[in-house]
Amino acid sequence: MQVNDNVTLIAFLGTLTPEESVNSTENYWKLIGQGGQVIELAEERVLVKFQCNIDSFELENHNPVNDSLWILRTDLQIV
Protein backbone atom coordinates (compact mmCIF):
# COMPACT_ATOMS: atom_id res chain seq x y z
CA MET A 1 0.00 0.00 0.00
CA GLN A 2 1.36 3.40 -1.01
CA VAL A 3 0.50 7.07 -0.53
CA ASN A 4 -2.20 8.13 -3.03
CA ASP A 5 -3.65 4.61 -3.36
CA ASN A 6 -7.44 4.64 -3.54
CA VAL A 7 -8.91 2.26 -0.99
CA THR A 8 -12.22 0.99 0.35
CA LEU A 9 -12.81 0.16 3.99
CA ILE A 10 -13.76 -3.53 4.11
CA ALA A 11 -13.60 -4.03 7.91
CA PHE A 12 -12.70 -2.13 11.05
CA LEU A 13 -10.31 -3.64 13.59
CA GLY A 14 -10.60 -6.87 11.63
CA THR A 15 -14.36 -7.29 11.96
CA LEU A 16 -17.52 -6.26 10.14
CA THR A 17 -19.35 -5.31 13.34
CA PRO A 18 -18.22 -4.23 16.79
CA GLU A 19 -17.71 -7.14 19.17
CA GLU A 20 -19.33 -5.24 22.02
CA SER A 21 -21.44 -2.16 22.31
CA VAL A 22 -19.44 0.96 21.51
CA ASN A 23 -20.14 4.62 21.94
CA SER A 24 -22.02 5.83 18.86
CA THR A 25 -19.31 8.45 18.20
CA GLU A 26 -16.73 5.63 18.02
CA ASN A 27 -18.72 3.22 15.83
CA TYR A 28 -16.34 3.43 12.86
CA TRP A 29 -17.90 0.26 11.46
CA LYS A 30 -20.48 2.67 9.95
CA LEU A 31 -17.78 3.58 7.41
CA ILE A 32 -17.41 0.07 5.97
CA GLY A 33 -17.84 0.36 2.22
CA GLN A 34 -16.67 3.98 2.11
CA GLY A 35 -13.75 4.93 -0.10
CA GLY A 36 -10.80 7.20 0.39
CA GLN A 37 -7.17 7.83 -0.39
CA VAL A 38 -4.06 6.90 1.57
CA ILE A 39 -2.29 10.11 2.61
CA GLU A 40 0.29 8.85 5.12
CA LEU A 41 1.96 5.54 5.99
CA ALA A 42 2.88 3.94 9.30
CA GLU A 43 3.97 0.41 10.13
CA GLU A 44 0.60 -1.33 10.56
CA ARG A 45 -1.76 1.53 9.77
CA VAL A 46 -2.29 4.12 7.10
CA LEU A 47 -3.97 7.50 7.30
CA VAL A 48 -6.97 7.47 4.97
CA LYS A 49 -8.73 10.63 3.89
CA PHE A 50 -12.26 9.47 3.23
CA GLN A 51 -14.34 10.85 0.37
CA CYS A 52 -17.33 11.14 2.69
CA ASN A 53 -17.85 13.65 5.49
CA ILE A 54 -17.08 11.69 8.67
CA ASP A 55 -19.00 14.28 10.71
CA SER A 56 -22.18 13.29 8.86
CA PHE A 57 -21.83 9.85 10.48
CA GLU A 58 -21.57 11.62 13.88
CA LEU A 59 -18.15 10.04 14.52
CA GLU A 60 -15.13 11.39 16.38
CA ASN A 61 -12.96 13.14 13.84
CA HIS A 62 -9.93 14.48 15.68
CA ASN A 63 -7.07 13.97 13.22
CA PRO A 64 -5.27 17.05 11.86
CA VAL A 65 -6.70 16.35 8.37
CA ASN A 66 -10.50 16.51 8.23
CA ASP A 67 -12.29 13.29 7.29
CA SER A 68 -9.21 11.15 7.91
CA LEU A 69 -8.64 8.15 10.17
CA TRP A 70 -5.74 5.82 10.92
CA ILE A 71 -6.84 2.43 9.61
CA LEU A 72 -5.22 -1.00 9.80
CA ARG A 73 -3.81 -1.96 6.40
CA THR A 74 -5.65 -5.28 6.64
CA ASP A 75 -9.00 -3.44 6.88
CA LEU A 76 -8.53 -1.85 3.46
CA GLN A 77 -8.80 -2.98 -0.12
CA ILE A 78 -6.98 -1.14 -2.89
CA VAL A 79 -9.33 -0.14 -5.71
PDB file of N, CA and C in Angstrom:
ATOM      1  N   MET A   1       0.851  -1.168   0.000  1.00  0.00           N
ATOM      2  CA  MET A   1       0.000   0.000   0.000  1.00  0.00           C
ATOM      3  C   MET A   1       0.903   1.240   0.000  1.00  0.00           C
ATOM      4  N   GLN A   2       0.541   2.207  -0.829  1.00  0.00           N
ATOM      5  CA  GLN A   2       1.362   3.397  -1.007  1.00  0.00           C
ATOM      6  C   GLN A   2       0.517   4.660  -0.820  1.00  0.00           C
ATOM      7  N   VAL A   3       1.180   5.783  -0.572  1.00  0.00           N
ATOM      8  CA  VAL A   3       0.504   7.071  -0.533  1.00  0.00           C
ATOM      9  C   VAL A   3      -0.168   7.289  -1.891  1.00  0.00           C
ATOM     10  N   ASN A   4      -1.358   7.837  -1.868  1.00  0.00           N
ATOM     11  CA  ASN A   4      -2.202   8.130  -3.034  1.00  0.00           C
ATOM     12  C   ASN A   4      -2.991   6.934  -3.544  1.00  0.00           C
ATOM     13  N   ASP A   5      -2.803   5.737  -2.970  1.00  0.00           N
ATOM     14  CA  ASP A   5      -3.646   4.609  -3.359  1.00  0.00           C
ATOM     15  C   ASP A   5      -5.086   4.908  -2.969  1.00  0.00           C
ATOM     16  N   ASN A   6      -6.012   4.568  -3.861  1.00  0.00           N
ATOM     17  CA  ASN A   6      -7.438   4.643  -3.540  1.00  0.00           C
ATOM     18  C   ASN A   6      -7.831   3.334  -2.881  1.00  0.00           C
ATOM     19  N   VAL A   7      -8.562   3.441  -1.781  1.00  0.00           N
ATOM     20  CA  VAL A   7      -8.907   2.264  -0.985  1.00  0.00           C
ATOM     21  C   VAL A   7     -10.380   2.303  -0.586  1.00  0.00           C
ATOM     22  N   THR A   8     -10.885   1.134  -0.217  1.00  0.00           N
ATOM     23  CA  THR A   8     -12.223   0.995   0.348  1.00  0.00           C
ATOM     24  C   THR A   8     -12.077   0.310   1.697  1.00  0.00           C
ATOM     25  N   LEU A   9     -12.810   0.791   2.672  1.00  0.00           N
ATOM     26  CA  LEU A   9     -12.812   0.164   3.991  1.00  0.00           C
ATOM     27  C   LEU A   9     -13.663  -1.095   3.926  1.00  0.00           C
ATOM     28  N   ILE A  10     -13.042  -2.257   4.189  1.00  0.00           N
ATOM     29  CA  ILE A  10     -13.760  -3.530   4.110  1.00  0.00           C
ATOM     30  C   ILE A  10     -14.026  -4.134   5.482  1.00  0.00           C
ATOM     31  N   ALA A  11     -13.405  -3.586   6.519  1.00  0.00           N
ATOM     32  CA  ALA A  11     -13.596  -4.033   7.906  1.00  0.00           C
ATOM     33  C   ALA A  11     -13.046  -2.931   8.799  1.00  0.00           C
ATOM     34  N   PHE A  12     -13.311  -3.042  10.086  1.00  0.00           N
ATOM     35  CA  PHE A  12     -12.697  -2.128  11.045  1.00  0.00           C
ATOM     36  C   PHE A  12     -12.224  -2.958  12.218  1.00  0.00           C
ATOM     37  N   LEU A  13     -10.960  -2.816  12.554  1.00  0.00           N
ATOM     38  CA  LEU A  13     -10.309  -3.635  13.586  1.00  0.00           C
ATOM     39  C   LEU A  13     -10.504  -5.124  13.320  1.00  0.00           C
ATOM     40  N   GLY A  14     -10.538  -5.471  12.031  1.00  0.00           N
ATOM     41  CA  GLY A  14     -10.603  -6.869  11.628  1.00  0.00           C
ATOM     42  C   GLY A  14     -11.977  -7.487  11.630  1.00  0.00           C
ATOM     43  N   THR A  15     -13.016  -6.716  11.930  1.00  0.00           N
ATOM     44  CA  THR A  15     -14.359  -7.287  11.964  1.00  0.00           C
ATOM     45  C   THR A  15     -15.332  -6.424  11.168  1.00  0.00           C
ATOM     46  N   LEU A  16     -16.490  -6.992  10.865  1.00  0.00           N
ATOM     47  CA  LEU A  16     -17.523  -6.259  10.143  1.00  0.00           C
ATOM     48  C   LEU A  16     -18.481  -5.534  11.079  1.00  0.00           C
ATOM     49  N   THR A  17     -18.511  -5.959  12.324  1.00  0.00           N
ATOM     50  CA  THR A  17     -19.354  -5.314  13.336  1.00  0.00           C
ATOM     51  C   THR A  17     -18.575  -5.244  14.641  1.00  0.00           C
ATOM     52  N   PRO A  18     -18.920  -4.282  15.495  1.00  0.00           N
ATOM     53  CA  PRO A  18     -18.220  -4.228  16.786  1.00  0.00           C
ATOM     54  C   PRO A  18     -18.531  -5.466  17.608  1.00  0.00           C
ATOM     55  N   GLU A  19     -17.530  -5.948  18.346  1.00  0.00           N
ATOM     56  CA  GLU A  19     -17.713  -7.140  19.175  1.00  0.00           C
ATOM     57  C   GLU A  19     -18.558  -6.859  20.405  1.00  0.00           C
ATOM     58  N   GLU A  20     -18.554  -5.627  20.858  1.00  0.00           N
ATOM     59  CA  GLU A  20     -19.331  -5.244  22.021  1.00  0.00           C
ATOM     60  C   GLU A  20     -19.949  -3.890  21.725  1.00  0.00           C
ATOM     61  N   SER A  21     -20.840  -3.457  22.566  1.00  0.00           N
ATOM     62  CA  SER A  21     -21.444  -2.155  22.311  1.00  0.00           C
ATOM     63  C   SER A  21     -20.374  -1.069  22.441  1.00  0.00           C
ATOM     64  N   VAL A  22     -20.397  -0.146  21.515  1.00  0.00           N
ATOM     65  CA  VAL A  22     -19.444   0.957  21.512  1.00  0.00           C
ATOM     66  C   VAL A  22     -20.218   2.263  21.522  1.00  0.00           C
ATOM     67  N   ASN A  23     -19.554   3.299  21.979  1.00  0.00           N
ATOM     68  CA  ASN A  23     -20.139   4.624  21.944  1.00  0.00           C
ATOM     69  C   ASN A  23     -20.461   4.955  20.488  1.00  0.00           C
ATOM     70  N   SER A  24     -21.604   5.559  20.232  1.00  0.00           N
ATOM     71  CA  SER A  24     -22.019   5.833  18.858  1.00  0.00           C
ATOM     72  C   SER A  24     -21.023   6.725  18.123  1.00  0.00           C
ATOM     73  N   THR A  25     -20.287   7.572  18.844  1.00  0.00           N
ATOM     74  CA  THR A  25     -19.306   8.446  18.197  1.00  0.00           C
ATOM     75  C   THR A  25     -18.008   7.711  17.864  1.00  0.00           C
ATOM     76  N   GLU A  26     -17.906   6.455  18.304  1.00  0.00           N
ATOM     77  CA  GLU A  26     -16.726   5.632  18.018  1.00  0.00           C
ATOM     78  C   GLU A  26     -17.078   4.391  17.209  1.00  0.00           C
ATOM     79  N   ASN A  27     -18.275   4.371  16.617  1.00  0.00           N
ATOM     80  CA  ASN A  27     -18.718   3.224  15.829  1.00  0.00           C
ATOM     81  C   ASN A  27     -18.252   3.398  14.377  1.00  0.00           C
ATOM     82  N   TYR A  28     -16.946   3.236  14.175  1.00  0.00           N
ATOM     83  CA  TYR A  28     -16.344   3.434  12.860  1.00  0.00           C
ATOM     84  C   TYR A  28     -16.732   2.343  11.875  1.00  0.00           C
ATOM     85  N   TRP A  29     -17.390   1.305  12.337  1.00  0.00           N
ATOM     86  CA  TRP A  29     -17.902   0.262  11.459  1.00  0.00           C
ATOM     87  C   TRP A  29     -18.940   0.841  10.498  1.00  0.00           C
ATOM     88  N   LYS A  30     -19.527   1.986  10.844  1.00  0.00           N
ATOM     89  CA  LYS A  30     -20.479   2.668   9.954  1.00  0.00           C
ATOM     90  C   LYS A  30     -19.820   3.044   8.629  1.00  0.00           C
ATOM     91  N   LEU A  31     -18.505   3.148   8.609  1.00  0.00           N
ATOM     92  CA  LEU A  31     -17.783   3.585   7.413  1.00  0.00           C
ATOM     93  C   LEU A  31     -17.419   2.440   6.471  1.00  0.00           C
ATOM     94  N   ILE A  32     -17.723   1.201   6.851  1.00  0.00           N
ATOM     95  CA  ILE A  32     -17.406   0.071   5.968  1.00  0.00           C
ATOM     96  C   ILE A  32     -18.112   0.291   4.629  1.00  0.00           C
ATOM     97  N   GLY A  33     -17.338   0.135   3.572  1.00  0.00           N
ATOM     98  CA  GLY A  33     -17.842   0.361   2.218  1.00  0.00           C
ATOM     99  C   GLY A  33     -17.491   1.735   1.668  1.00  0.00           C
ATOM    100  N   GLN A  34     -17.042   2.629   2.537  1.00  0.00           N
ATOM    101  CA  GLN A  34     -16.668   3.975   2.105  1.00  0.00           C
ATOM    102  C   GLN A  34     -15.261   3.963   1.514  1.00  0.00           C
ATOM    103  N   GLY A  35     -15.044   4.841   0.563  1.00  0.00           N
ATOM    104  CA  GLY A  35     -13.753   4.935  -0.105  1.00  0.00           C
ATOM    105  C   GLY A  35     -12.963   6.138   0.345  1.00  0.00           C
ATOM    106  N   GLY A  36     -11.677   6.088   0.064  1.00  0.00           N
ATOM    107  CA  GLY A  36     -10.804   7.200   0.391  1.00  0.00           C
ATOM    108  C   GLY A  36      -9.455   7.025  -0.265  1.00  0.00           C
ATOM    109  N   GLN A  37      -8.518   7.853   0.168  1.00  0.00           N
ATOM    110  CA  GLN A  37      -7.169   7.833  -0.391  1.00  0.00           C
ATOM    111  C   GLN A  37      -6.150   7.808   0.739  1.00  0.00           C
ATOM    112  N   VAL A  38      -5.139   6.971   0.592  1.00  0.00           N
ATOM    113  CA  VAL A  38      -4.060   6.899   1.566  1.00  0.00           C
ATOM    114  C   VAL A  38      -3.238   8.185   1.467  1.00  0.00           C
ATOM    115  N   ILE A  39      -3.067   8.865   2.632  1.00  0.00           N
ATOM    116  CA  ILE A  39      -2.293  10.110   2.610  1.00  0.00           C
ATOM    117  C   ILE A  39      -1.040  10.051   3.479  1.00  0.00           C
ATOM    118  N   GLU A  40      -0.915   8.998   4.303  1.00  0.00           N
ATOM    119  CA  GLU A  40       0.290   8.848   5.123  1.00  0.00           C
ATOM    120  C   GLU A  40       0.433   7.379   5.510  1.00  0.00           C
ATOM    121  N   LEU A  41       1.671   6.941   5.670  1.00  0.00           N
ATOM    122  CA  LEU A  41       1.963   5.541   5.992  1.00  0.00           C
ATOM    123  C   LEU A  41       2.569   5.417   7.375  1.00  0.00           C
ATOM    124  N   ALA A  42       2.225   4.348   8.064  1.00  0.00           N
ATOM    125  CA  ALA A  42       2.875   3.938   9.303  1.00  0.00           C
ATOM    126  C   ALA A  42       3.072   2.427   9.186  1.00  0.00           C
ATOM    127  N   GLU A  43       3.630   1.829  10.224  1.00  0.00           N
ATOM    128  CA  GLU A  43       3.974   0.409  10.129  1.00  0.00           C
ATOM    129  C   GLU A  43       2.754  -0.485   9.847  1.00  0.00           C
ATOM    130  N   GLU A  44       1.765  -0.458  10.723  1.00  0.00           N
ATOM    131  CA  GLU A  44       0.601  -1.328  10.564  1.00  0.00           C
ATOM    132  C   GLU A  44      -0.640  -0.593  10.074  1.00  0.00           C
ATOM    133  N   ARG A  45      -0.598   0.729  10.134  1.00  0.00           N
ATOM    134  CA  ARG A  45      -1.765   1.527   9.770  1.00  0.00           C
ATOM    135  C   ARG A  45      -1.405   2.541   8.697  1.00  0.00           C
ATOM    136  N   VAL A  46      -2.448   3.026   8.051  1.00  0.00           N
ATOM    137  CA  VAL A  46      -2.287   4.123   7.104  1.00  0.00           C
ATOM    138  C   VAL A  46      -3.335   5.176   7.426  1.00  0.00           C
ATOM    139  N   LEU A  47      -3.006   6.420   7.121  1.00  0.00           N
ATOM    140  CA  LEU A  47      -3.967   7.500   7.302  1.00  0.00           C
ATOM    141  C   LEU A  47      -4.767   7.610   6.013  1.00  0.00           C
ATOM    142  N   VAL A  48      -6.077   7.422   6.130  1.00  0.00           N
ATOM    143  CA  VAL A  48      -6.969   7.465   4.974  1.00  0.00           C
ATOM    144  C   VAL A  48      -7.820   8.720   5.065  1.00  0.00           C
ATOM    145  N   LYS A  49      -7.821   9.500   3.991  1.00  0.00           N
ATOM    146  CA  LYS A  49      -8.731  10.628   3.887  1.00  0.00           C
ATOM    147  C   LYS A  49      -9.936  10.122   3.120  1.00  0.00           C
ATOM    148  N   PHE A  50     -11.049  10.014   3.833  1.00  0.00           N
ATOM    149  CA  PHE A  50     -12.260   9.472   3.231  1.00  0.00           C
ATOM    150  C   PHE A  50     -12.907  10.487   2.304  1.00  0.00           C
ATOM    151  N   GLN A  51     -13.611   9.993   1.302  1.00  0.00           N
ATOM    152  CA  GLN A  51     -14.338  10.848   0.369  1.00  0.00           C
ATOM    153  C   GLN A  51     -15.608  11.399   1.013  1.00  0.00           C
ATOM    154  N   CYS A  52     -16.110  10.709   2.015  1.00  0.00           N
ATOM    155  CA  CYS A  52     -17.329  11.142   2.694  1.00  0.00           C
ATOM    156  C   CYS A  52     -16.987  12.094   3.838  1.00  0.00           C
ATOM    157  N   ASN A  53     -17.979  12.765   4.329  1.00  0.00           N
ATOM    158  CA  ASN A  53     -17.846  13.649   5.485  1.00  0.00           C
ATOM    159  C   ASN A  53     -18.055  12.799   6.737  1.00  0.00           C
ATOM    160  N   ILE A  54     -16.992  12.536   7.471  1.00  0.00           N
ATOM    161  CA  ILE A  54     -17.079  11.694   8.665  1.00  0.00           C
ATOM    162  C   ILE A  54     -18.032  12.294   9.694  1.00  0.00           C
ATOM    163  N   ASP A  55     -18.084  13.618   9.760  1.00  0.00           N
ATOM    164  CA  ASP A  55     -18.996  14.276  10.708  1.00  0.00           C
ATOM    165  C   ASP A  55     -20.450  13.911  10.435  1.00  0.00           C
ATOM    166  N   SER A  56     -20.796  13.640   9.177  1.00  0.00           N
ATOM    167  CA  SER A  56     -22.182  13.292   8.859  1.00  0.00           C
ATOM    168  C   SER A  56     -22.572  11.939   9.459  1.00  0.00           C
ATOM    169  N   PHE A  57     -21.583  11.119   9.814  1.00  0.00           N
ATOM    170  CA  PHE A  57     -21.831   9.849  10.479  1.00  0.00           C
ATOM    171  C   PHE A  57     -21.834  10.019  11.998  1.00  0.00           C
ATOM    172  N   GLU A  58     -21.623  11.270  12.452  1.00  0.00           N
ATOM    173  CA  GLU A  58     -21.569  11.617  13.879  1.00  0.00           C
ATOM    174  C   GLU A  58     -20.477  10.831  14.608  1.00  0.00           C
ATOM    175  N   LEU A  59     -19.290  10.757  13.962  1.00  0.00           N
ATOM    176  CA  LEU A  59     -18.150  10.044  14.515  1.00  0.00           C
ATOM    177  C   LEU A  59     -17.080  11.021  14.969  1.00  0.00           C
ATOM    178  N   GLU A  60     -16.283  10.599  15.949  1.00  0.00           N
ATOM    179  CA  GLU A  60     -15.127  11.387  16.381  1.00  0.00           C
ATOM    180  C   GLU A  60     -14.214  11.587  15.179  1.00  0.00           C
ATOM    181  N   ASN A  61     -13.778  12.796  15.000  1.00  0.00           N
ATOM    182  CA  ASN A  61     -12.964  13.141  13.839  1.00  0.00           C
ATOM    183  C   ASN A  61     -11.910  14.129  14.319  1.00  0.00           C
ATOM    184  N   HIS A  62     -10.878  13.617  14.996  1.00  0.00           N
ATOM    185  CA  HIS A  62      -9.929  14.481  15.682  1.00  0.00           C
ATOM    186  C   HIS A  62      -8.530  14.493  15.064  1.00  0.00           C
ATOM    187  N   ASN A  63      -8.369  13.928  13.882  1.00  0.00           N
ATOM    188  CA  ASN A  63      -7.068  13.968  13.220  1.00  0.00           C
ATOM    189  C   ASN A  63      -6.837  15.343  12.604  1.00  0.00           C
ATOM    190  N   PRO A  64      -5.577  15.724  12.412  1.00  0.00           N
ATOM    191  CA  PRO A  64      -5.271  17.054  11.858  1.00  0.00           C
ATOM    192  C   PRO A  64      -5.896  17.300  10.476  1.00  0.00           C
ATOM    193  N   VAL A  65      -6.085  16.233   9.689  1.00  0.00           N
ATOM    194  CA  VAL A  65      -6.703  16.349   8.371  1.00  0.00           C
ATOM    195  C   VAL A  65      -8.166  15.939   8.506  1.00  0.00           C
ATOM    196  N   ASN A  66      -9.074  16.839   8.155  1.00  0.00           N
ATOM    197  CA  ASN A  66     -10.503  16.514   8.234  1.00  0.00           C
ATOM    198  C   ASN A  66     -10.828  15.257   7.436  1.00  0.00           C
ATOM    199  N   ASP A  67     -11.779  14.498   7.946  1.00  0.00           N
ATOM    200  CA  ASP A  67     -12.292  13.289   7.293  1.00  0.00           C
ATOM    201  C   ASP A  67     -11.224  12.223   7.099  1.00  0.00           C
ATOM    202  N   SER A  68     -10.246  12.173   8.006  1.00  0.00           N
ATOM    203  CA  SER A  68      -9.207  11.154   7.914  1.00  0.00           C
ATOM    204  C   SER A  68      -9.152  10.331   9.197  1.00  0.00           C
ATOM    205  N   LEU A  69      -8.788   9.069   9.038  1.00  0.00           N
ATOM    206  CA  LEU A  69      -8.639   8.149  10.167  1.00  0.00           C
ATOM    207  C   LEU A  69      -7.448   7.234   9.915  1.00  0.00           C
ATOM    208  N   TRP A  70      -6.769   6.849  11.004  1.00  0.00           N
ATOM    209  CA  TRP A  70      -5.735   5.824  10.921  1.00  0.00           C
ATOM    210  C   TRP A  70      -6.432   4.471  10.892  1.00  0.00           C
ATOM    211  N   ILE A  71      -6.162   3.700   9.853  1.00  0.00           N
ATOM    212  CA  ILE A  71      -6.842   2.429   9.615  1.00  0.00           C
ATOM    213  C   ILE A  71      -5.794   1.333   9.451  1.00  0.00           C
ATOM    214  N   LEU A  72      -6.086   0.160  10.013  1.00  0.00           N
ATOM    215  CA  LEU A  72      -5.217  -0.995   9.795  1.00  0.00           C
ATOM    216  C   LEU A  72      -5.160  -1.316   8.307  1.00  0.00           C
ATOM    217  N   ARG A  73      -3.972  -1.604   7.822  1.00  0.00           N
ATOM    218  CA  ARG A  73      -3.813  -1.957   6.395  1.00  0.00           C
ATOM    219  C   ARG A  73      -4.704  -3.132   6.018  1.00  0.00           C
ATOM    220  N   THR A  74      -4.865  -4.078   6.943  1.00  0.00           N
ATOM    221  CA  THR A  74      -5.645  -5.282   6.643  1.00  0.00           C
ATOM    222  C   THR A  74      -7.145  -4.996   6.551  1.00  0.00           C
ATOM    223  N   ASP A  75      -7.573  -3.815   6.965  1.00  0.00           N
ATOM    224  CA  ASP A  75      -8.998  -3.441   6.884  1.00  0.00           C
ATOM    225  C   ASP A  75      -9.328  -2.709   5.589  1.00  0.00           C
ATOM    226  N   LEU A  76      -8.346  -2.607   4.699  1.00  0.00           N
ATOM    227  CA  LEU A  76      -8.529  -1.850   3.464  1.00  0.00           C
ATOM    228  C   LEU A  76      -8.308  -2.716   2.243  1.00  0.00           C
ATOM    229  N   GLN A  77      -9.008  -2.348   1.182  1.00  0.00           N
ATOM    230  CA  GLN A  77      -8.799  -2.984  -0.115  1.00  0.00           C
ATOM    231  C   GLN A  77      -8.436  -1.887  -1.110  1.00  0.00           C
ATOM    232  N   ILE A  78      -7.375  -2.106  -1.863  1.00  0.00           N
ATOM    233  CA  ILE A  78      -6.981  -1.140  -2.892  1.00  0.00           C
ATOM    234  C   ILE A  78      -7.952  -1.273  -4.074  1.00  0.00           C
ATOM    235  N   VAL A  79      -8.403  -0.140  -4.559  1.00  0.00           N
ATOM    236  CA  VAL A  79      -9.326  -0.145  -5.713  1.00  0.00           C
ATOM    237  C   VAL A  79      -8.697   0.539  -6.907  1.00  0.00           C
TER     238      VAL A  79
END
